[in-house]
Amino acid sequence: MLSSITYRPVVKSEQSKAIELWQTVFEPKEDGYFERYFLSTASPSYQ
């Protein structure tokens, strides 16, 4: 069986769900690592 993956950017309306998914899968520390890259309040250096 051959499967395919489609990669695309996360849109603003999906940001909170993306963070929830990352936290569920990777159990990150409370250092804000994932939030820095996905939240609209992130520094422009990270977006």
PDB file of N, CA and C in Angstrom:
ATOM      1  N   MET A   1       0.845  -1.177   0.000  1.00  0.00           N
ATOM      2  CA  MET A   1       0.000   0.000   0.000  1.00  0.00           C
ATOM      3  C   MET A   1       0.891   1.240   0.000  1.00  0.00           C
ATOM      4  N   LEU A   2       0.634   2.130  -0.892  1.00  0.00           N
ATOM      5  CA  LEU A   2       1.382   3.371  -1.008  1.00  0.00           C
ATOM      6  C   LEU A   2       0.526   4.517  -0.490  1.00  0.00           C
ATOM      7  N   SER A   3       1.103   5.307   0.398  1.00  0.00           N
ATOM      8  CA  SER A   3       0.357   6.463   0.904  1.00  0.00           C
ATOM      9  C   SER A   3       1.100   7.735   0.519  1.00  0.00           C
ATOM     10  N   SER A   4       0.389   8.817   0.540  1.00  0.00           N
ATOM     11  CA  SER A   4       1.022  10.085   0.207  1.00  0.00           C
ATOM     12  C   SER A   4       0.754  11.096   1.317  1.00  0.00           C
ATOM     13  N   ILE A   5       1.642  12.044   1.423  1.00  0.00           N
ATOM     14  CA  ILE A   5       1.526  13.097   2.423  1.00  0.00           C
ATOM     15  C   ILE A   5       1.503  14.432   1.699  1.00  0.00           C
ATOM     16  N   THR A   6       0.622  15.301   2.126  1.00  0.00           N
ATOM     17  CA  THR A   6       0.569  16.645   1.572  1.00  0.00           C
ATOM     18  C   THR A   6       1.040  17.617   2.647  1.00  0.00           C
ATOM     19  N   TYR A   7       2.067  18.377   2.343  1.00  0.00           N
ATOM     20  CA  TYR A   7       2.578  19.383   3.261  1.00  0.00           C
ATOM     21  C   TYR A   7       2.053  20.750   2.843  1.00  0.00           C
ATOM     22  N   ARG A   8       1.650  21.554   3.827  1.00  0.00           N
ATOM     23  CA  ARG A   8       1.186  22.902   3.550  1.00  0.00           C
ATOM     24  C   ARG A   8       1.369  23.743   4.805  1.00  0.00           C
ATOM     25  N   PRO A   9       1.383  25.050   4.657  1.00  0.00           N
ATOM     26  CA  PRO A   9       1.527  25.918   5.830  1.00  0.00           C
ATOM     27  C   PRO A   9       0.286  25.849   6.724  1.00  0.00           C
ATOM     28  N   VAL A  10       0.489  26.100   7.996  1.00  0.00           N
ATOM     29  CA  VAL A  10      -0.620  26.192   8.943  1.00  0.00           C
ATOM     30  C   VAL A  10      -1.213  27.591   8.804  1.00  0.00           C
ATOM     31  N   VAL A  11      -2.518  27.659   8.592  1.00  0.00           N
ATOM     32  CA  VAL A  11      -3.179  28.963   8.486  1.00  0.00           C
ATOM     33  C   VAL A  11      -3.579  29.445   9.882  1.00  0.00           C
ATOM     34  N   LYS A  12      -3.812  30.742  10.017  1.00  0.00           N
ATOM     35  CA  LYS A  12      -4.094  31.330  11.333  1.00  0.00           C
ATOM     36  C   LYS A  12      -5.232  30.637  12.068  1.00  0.00           C
ATOM     37  N   SER A  13      -6.268  30.246  11.354  1.00  0.00           N
ATOM     38  CA  SER A  13      -7.419  29.613  12.010  1.00  0.00           C
ATOM     39  C   SER A  13      -7.081  28.224  12.553  1.00  0.00           C
ATOM     40  N   GLU A  14      -5.951  27.655  12.150  1.00  0.00           N
ATOM     41  CA  GLU A  14      -5.541  26.322  12.604  1.00  0.00           C
ATOM     42  C   GLU A  14      -4.434  26.361  13.653  1.00  0.00           C
ATOM     43  N   GLN A  15      -3.946  27.533  14.000  1.00  0.00           N
ATOM     44  CA  GLN A  15      -2.784  27.638  14.877  1.00  0.00           C
ATOM     45  C   GLN A  15      -2.985  26.984  16.237  1.00  0.00           C
ATOM     46  N   SER A  16      -4.102  27.237  16.895  1.00  0.00           N
ATOM     47  CA  SER A  16      -4.304  26.664  18.227  1.00  0.00           C
ATOM     48  C   SER A  16      -4.401  25.147  18.167  1.00  0.00           C
ATOM     49  N   LYS A  17      -5.042  24.612  17.130  1.00  0.00           N
ATOM     50  CA  LYS A  17      -5.131  23.155  16.975  1.00  0.00           C
ATOM     51  C   LYS A  17      -3.756  22.558  16.682  1.00  0.00           C
ATOM     52  N   ALA A  18      -2.938  23.274  15.910  1.00  0.00           N
ATOM     53  CA  ALA A  18      -1.584  22.795  15.609  1.00  0.00           C
ATOM     54  C   ALA A  18      -0.756  22.698  16.890  1.00  0.00           C
ATOM     55  N   ILE A  19      -0.876  23.701  17.752  1.00  0.00           N
ATOM     56  CA  ILE A  19      -0.139  23.676  19.015  1.00  0.00           C
ATOM     57  C   ILE A  19      -0.625  22.535  19.894  1.00  0.00           C
ATOM     58  N   GLU A  20      -1.929  22.338  19.967  1.00  0.00           N
ATOM     59  CA  GLU A  20      -2.480  21.224  20.749  1.00  0.00           C
ATOM     60  C   GLU A  20      -1.941  19.893  20.243  1.00  0.00           C
ATOM     61  N   LEU A  21      -1.884  19.729  18.929  1.00  0.00           N
ATOM     62  CA  LEU A  21      -1.373  18.488  18.344  1.00  0.00           C
ATOM     63  C   LEU A  21       0.098  18.287  18.699  1.00  0.00           C
ATOM     64  N   TRP A  22       0.927  19.317  18.537  1.00  0.00           N
ATOM     65  CA  TRP A  22       2.352  19.216  18.888  1.00  0.00           C
ATOM     66  C   TRP A  22       2.513  18.829  20.351  1.00  0.00           C
ATOM     67  N   GLN A  23       1.743  19.461  21.232  1.00  0.00           N
ATOM     68  CA  GLN A  23       1.858  19.179  22.658  1.00  0.00           C
ATOM     69  C   GLN A  23       1.444  17.750  22.974  1.00  0.00           C
ATOM     70  N   THR A  24       0.431  17.249  22.288  1.00  0.00           N
ATOM     71  CA  THR A  24      -0.019  15.879  22.499  1.00  0.00           C
ATOM     72  C   THR A  24       1.020  14.876  22.015  1.00  0.00           C
ATOM     73  N   VAL A  25       1.574  15.122  20.847  1.00  0.00           N
ATOM     74  CA  VAL A  25       2.510  14.177  20.235  1.00  0.00           C
ATOM     75  C   VAL A  25       3.890  14.237  20.879  1.00  0.00           C
ATOM     76  N   PHE A  26       4.415  15.437  21.100  1.00  0.00           N
ATOM     77  CA  PHE A  26       5.801  15.581  21.541  1.00  0.00           C
ATOM     78  C   PHE A  26       5.974  15.911  23.012  1.00  0.00           C
ATOM     79  N   GLU A  27       4.893  16.190  23.727  1.00  0.00           N
ATOM     80  CA  GLU A  27       4.937  16.527  25.144  1.00  0.00           C
ATOM     81  C   GLU A  27       6.067  17.512  25.449  1.00  0.00           C
ATOM     82  N   PRO A  28       6.015  18.705  24.846  1.00  0.00           N
ATOM     83  CA  PRO A  28       7.104  19.666  25.049  1.00  0.00           C
ATOM     84  C   PRO A  28       7.145  20.219  26.466  1.00  0.00           C
ATOM     85  N   LYS A  29       8.292  20.747  26.825  1.00  0.00           N
ATOM     86  CA  LYS A  29       8.447  21.411  28.114  1.00  0.00           C
ATOM     87  C   LYS A  29       7.651  22.710  28.087  1.00  0.00           C
ATOM     88  N   GLU A  30       7.471  23.292  29.234  1.00  0.00           N
ATOM     89  CA  GLU A  30       6.718  24.547  29.355  1.00  0.00           C
ATOM     90  C   GLU A  30       7.605  25.752  29.040  1.00  0.00           C
ATOM     91  N   ASP A  31       8.454  25.638  28.031  1.00  0.00           N
ATOM     92  CA  ASP A  31       9.367  26.735  27.701  1.00  0.00           C
ATOM     93  C   ASP A  31       8.849  27.618  26.577  1.00  0.00           C
ATOM     94  N   GLY A  32       7.665  27.320  26.033  1.00  0.00           N
ATOM     95  CA  GLY A  32       7.085  28.140  24.983  1.00  0.00           C
ATOM     96  C   GLY A  32       7.673  27.912  23.601  1.00  0.00           C
ATOM     97  N   TYR A  33       8.475  26.850  23.449  1.00  0.00           N
ATOM     98  CA  TYR A  33       9.157  26.594  22.176  1.00  0.00           C
ATOM     99  C   TYR A  33       8.189  26.575  20.994  1.00  0.00           C
ATOM    100  N   PHE A  34       7.147  25.777  21.075  1.00  0.00           N
ATOM    101  CA  PHE A  34       6.225  25.639  19.948  1.00  0.00           C
ATOM    102  C   PHE A  34       5.380  26.892  19.752  1.00  0.00           C
ATOM    103  N   GLU A  35       4.975  27.499  20.849  1.00  0.00           N
ATOM    104  CA  GLU A  35       4.166  28.705  20.767  1.00  0.00           C
ATOM    105  C   GLU A  35       4.912  29.828  20.047  1.00  0.00           C
ATOM    106  N   ARG A  36       6.228  29.905  20.240  1.00  0.00           N
ATOM    107  CA  ARG A  36       7.040  30.946  19.582  1.00  0.00           C
ATOM    108  C   ARG A  36       6.896  30.903  18.073  1.00  0.00           C
ATOM    109  N   TYR A  37       6.713  29.719  17.527  1.00  0.00           N
ATOM    110  CA  TYR A  37       6.663  29.570  16.078  1.00  0.00           C
ATOM    111  C   TYR A  37       5.257  29.642  15.495  1.00  0.00           C
ATOM    112  N   PHE A  38       4.235  29.375  16.293  1.00  0.00           N
ATOM    113  CA  PHE A  38       2.891  29.253  15.747  1.00  0.00           C
ATOM    114  C   PHE A  38       1.918  30.355  16.123  1.00  0.00           C
ATOM    115  N   LEU A  39       2.083  30.994  17.253  1.00  0.00           N
ATOM    116  CA  LEU A  39       1.114  32.005  17.663  1.00  0.00           C
ATOM    117  C   LEU A  39       1.309  33.311  16.910  1.00  0.00           C
ATOM    118  N   SER A  40       0.222  34.014  16.687  1.00  0.00           N
ATOM    119  CA  SER A  40       0.298  35.291  15.973  1.00  0.00           C
ATOM    120  C   SER A  40       1.028  36.348  16.791  1.00  0.00           C
ATOM    121  N   THR A  41       1.174  36.119  18.093  1.00  0.00           N
ATOM    122  CA  THR A  41       1.889  37.066  18.953  1.00  0.00           C
ATOM    123  C   THR A  41       3.395  36.818  18.948  1.00  0.00           C
ATOM    124  N   ALA A  42       3.840  35.825  18.198  1.00  0.00           N
ATOM    125  CA  ALA A  42       5.267  35.497  18.145  1.00  0.00           C
ATOM    126  C   ALA A  42       6.056  36.632  17.513  1.00  0.00           C
ATOM    127  N   SER A  43       7.291  36.714  17.894  1.00  0.00           N
ATOM    128  CA  SER A  43       8.190  37.707  17.302  1.00  0.00           C
ATOM    129  C   SER A  43       8.305  37.462  15.803  1.00  0.00           C
ATOM    130  N   PRO A  44       8.388  38.506  15.001  1.00  0.00           N
ATOM    131  CA  PRO A  44       8.564  38.322  13.547  1.00  0.00           C
ATOM    132  C   PRO A  44       9.812  37.501  13.219  1.00  0.00           C
ATOM    133  N   SER A  45      10.776  37.469  14.132  1.00  0.00           N
ATOM    134  CA  SER A  45      11.990  36.677  13.910  1.00  0.00           C
ATOM    135  C   SER A  45      11.681  35.185  13.856  1.00  0.00           C
ATOM    136  N   TYR A  46      10.608  34.760  14.515  1.00  0.00           N
ATOM    137  CA  TYR A  46      10.263  33.343  14.570  1.00  0.00           C
ATOM    138  C   TYR A  46       9.242  32.929  13.527  1.00  0.00           C
ATOM    139  N   GLN A  47       8.449  33.878  13.019  1.00  0.00           N
ATOM    140  CA  GLN A  47       7.380  33.512  12.092  1.00  0.00           C
ATOM    141  C   GLN A  47       7.895  33.321  10.687  1.00  0.00           C
TER     142      GLN A  47
END
